[in-house]
C-alpha atoms as a PDB file:
ATOM      1  CA  UNK A   1     -55.042  -3.976 -52.754  1.00  0.00           C
ATOM      2  CA  UNK A   2     -53.623  -6.144 -55.479  1.00  0.00           C
ATOM      3  CA  UNK A   3     -54.008  -3.271 -57.936  1.00  0.00           C
ATOM      4  CA  UNK A   4     -52.170  -0.903 -55.584  1.00  0.00           C
ATOM      5  CA  UNK A   5     -49.304  -3.352 -55.107  1.00  0.00           C
ATOM      6  CA  UNK A   6     -49.043  -4.022 -58.833  1.00  0.00           C
ATOM      7  CA  UNK A   7     -49.036  -0.294 -59.594  1.00  0.00           C
ATOM      8  CA  UNK A   8     -46.327   0.437 -57.044  1.00  0.00           C
ATOM      9  CA  UNK A   9     -44.230  -2.542 -58.166  1.00  0.00           C
ATOM     10  CA  UNK A  10     -44.432  -1.355 -61.775  1.00  0.00           C
ATOM     11  CA  UNK A  11     -43.265   2.117 -60.776  1.00  0.00           C
ATOM     12  CA  UNK A  12     -39.970   0.548 -59.753  1.00  0.00           C
ATOM     13  CA  UNK A  13     -39.728  -1.993 -62.543  1.00  0.00           C
ATOM     14  CA  UNK A  14     -37.856   0.291 -64.929  1.00  0.00           C
ATOM     15  CA  UNK A  15     -35.592   1.937 -62.406  1.00  0.00           C
ATOM     16  CA  UNK A  16     -34.952  -0.532 -59.630  1.00  0.00           C
ATOM     17  CA  UNK A  17     -36.200  -3.857 -60.807  1.00  0.00           C
ATOM     18  CA  UNK A  18     -33.873  -5.829 -58.606  1.00  0.00           C
ATOM     19  CA  UNK A  19     -35.217  -4.171 -55.435  1.00  0.00           C
ATOM     20  CA  UNK A  20     -38.838  -4.819 -56.374  1.00  0.00           C
ATOM     21  CA  UNK A  21     -38.139  -8.375 -57.486  1.00  0.00           C
ATOM     22  CA  UNK A  22     -36.092  -9.359 -54.447  1.00  0.00           C
ATOM     23  CA  UNK A  23     -38.460  -7.704 -52.006  1.00  0.00           C
ATOM     24  CA  UNK A  24     -41.451  -9.420 -53.609  1.00  0.00           C
ATOM     25  CA  UNK A  25     -39.670 -12.766 -53.520  1.00  0.00           C
ATOM     26  CA  UNK A  26     -38.677 -12.415 -49.877  1.00  0.00           C
ATOM     27  CA  UNK A  27     -42.091 -11.237 -48.702  1.00  0.00           C
ATOM     28  CA  UNK A  28     -43.789 -14.011 -50.618  1.00  0.00           C
ATOM     29  CA  UNK A  29     -41.670 -16.744 -49.024  1.00  0.00           C
ATOM     30  CA  UNK A  30     -41.384 -15.280 -45.543  1.00  0.00           C
ATOM     31  CA  UNK A  31     -44.821 -13.770 -45.053  1.00  0.00           C
ATOM     32  CA  UNK A  32     -47.136 -15.649 -47.401  1.00  0.00           C
ATOM     33  CA  UNK A  33     -45.613 -19.132 -47.190  1.00  0.00           C
ATOM     34  CA  UNK A  34     -44.080 -18.957 -43.709  1.00  0.00           C
ATOM     35  CA  UNK A  35     -46.938 -17.209 -41.975  1.00  0.00           C
ATOM     36  CA  UNK A  36     -49.431 -19.213 -44.020  1.00  0.00           C
ATOM     37  CA  UNK A  37     -47.913 -22.453 -42.766  1.00  0.00           C
ATOM     38  CA  UNK A  38     -47.839 -21.253 -39.158  1.00  0.00           C
ATOM     39  CA  UNK A  39     -51.419 -20.063 -39.247  1.00  0.00           C
ATOM     40  CA  UNK A  40     -52.790 -23.025 -41.178  1.00  0.00           C
ATOM     41  CA  UNK A  41     -51.197 -25.954 -39.374  1.00  0.00           C
ATOM     42  CA  UNK A  42     -49.762 -25.139 -35.921  1.00  0.00           C
ATOM     43  CA  UNK A  43     -52.422 -22.517 -35.134  1.00  0.00           C
ATOM     44  CA  UNK A  44     -55.163 -24.682 -36.672  1.00  0.00           C
ATOM     45  CA  UNK A  45     -56.765 -22.018 -38.865  1.00  0.00           C
ATOM     46  CA  UNK A  46     -56.555 -24.085 -42.032  1.00  0.00           C
ATOM     47  CA  UNK A  47     -57.387 -22.376 -45.307  1.00  0.00           C
ATOM     48  CA  UNK A  48     -58.514 -19.231 -43.501  1.00  0.00           C
ATOM     49  CA  UNK A  49     -54.988 -18.882 -42.099  1.00  0.00           C
ATOM     50  CA  UNK A  50     -53.538 -19.110 -45.593  1.00  0.00           C
ATOM     51  CA  UNK A  51     -55.879 -16.359 -46.789  1.00  0.00           C
ATOM     52  CA  UNK A  52     -54.991 -14.168 -43.808  1.00  0.00           C
ATOM     53  CA  UNK A  53     -51.286 -14.668 -44.544  1.00  0.00           C
ATOM     54  CA  UNK A  54     -51.802 -13.787 -48.200  1.00  0.00           C
ATOM     55  CA  UNK A  55     -53.650 -10.579 -47.309  1.00  0.00           C
ATOM     56  CA  UNK A  56     -50.959  -9.754 -44.760  1.00  0.00           C
ATOM     57  CA  UNK A  57     -48.290 -10.152 -47.435  1.00  0.00           C
ATOM     58  CA  UNK A  58     -50.171  -7.802 -49.765  1.00  0.00           C
ATOM     59  CA  UNK A  59     -50.448  -5.258 -46.939  1.00  0.00           C
ATOM     60  CA  UNK A  60     -46.720  -5.486 -46.174  1.00  0.00           C
ATOM     61  CA  UNK A  61     -45.826  -5.031 -49.840  1.00  0.00           C
ATOM     62  CA  UNK A  62     -48.264  -2.142 -50.240  1.00  0.00           C
ATOM     63  CA  UNK A  63     -46.802  -0.298 -47.265  1.00  0.00           C
ATOM     64  CA  UNK A  64     -43.181  -0.983 -48.261  1.00  0.00           C
ATOM     65  CA  UNK A  65     -43.596   0.040 -51.901  1.00  0.00           C
ATOM     66  CA  UNK A  66     -45.719   3.012 -50.877  1.00  0.00           C
ATOM     67  CA  UNK A  67     -43.013   4.277 -48.534  1.00  0.00           C
ATOM     68  CA  UNK A  68     -40.375   3.755 -51.188  1.00  0.00           C
ATOM     69  CA  UNK A  69     -42.499   5.577 -53.764  1.00  0.00           C
ATOM     70  CA  UNK A  70     -43.191   8.415 -51.349  1.00  0.00           C
ATOM     71  CA  UNK A  71     -39.492   8.770 -50.540  1.00  0.00           C
ATOM     72  CA  UNK A  72     -38.739   9.769 -54.158  1.00  0.00           C
ATOM     73  CA  UNK A  73     -35.201   8.343 -53.900  1.00  0.00           C
ATOM     74  CA  UNK A  74     -35.969   6.199 -56.924  1.00  0.00           C
ATOM     75  CA  UNK A  75     -36.608   9.295 -59.075  1.00  0.00           C
ATOM     76  CA  UNK A  76     -32.879  10.033 -59.276  1.00  0.00           C
ATOM     77  CA  UNK A  77     -32.413   6.800 -61.211  1.00  0.00           C
ATOM     78  CA  UNK A  78     -35.371   7.289 -63.500  1.00  0.00           C
ATOM     79  CA  UNK A  79     -35.231   8.496 -67.067  1.00  0.00           C
ATOM     80  CA  UNK A  80     -38.827   9.653 -66.640  1.00  0.00           C
ATOM     81  CA  UNK A  81     -37.620  12.842 -64.948  1.00  0.00           C
ATOM     82  CA  UNK A  82     -36.211  14.045 -68.253  1.00  0.00           C
ATOM     83  CA  UNK A  83     -39.641  13.751 -69.848  1.00  0.00           C
ATOM     84  CA  UNK A  84     -41.406  15.797 -67.135  1.00  0.00           C
END
C-alpha cells in the first residue's frame, strides 16, 4: 500500500504539488493522529489502534489519489502530455 500511495503522490508532485501536499498533511493529522488517538486511548486499543489508524490513513490516501489519477483532470496541467 505504501508503494501505491507513494507512486500516486509522485504522479501529482510535478503538476499539482500543493494538492498532494495539503491532502497528505490533512489526512495525516485528521486520520492518522486523530483516529489514532481515539482508538488508542478512549477506545482502549493501545498500539493496535495506532496501527489501525495508520493503515486507514494509507487506505484513504490510496483511494483519493487513485480517484484523482483516474479522473485525468491533472493531465491538462502536465507537461508530460507533450512528450507522449
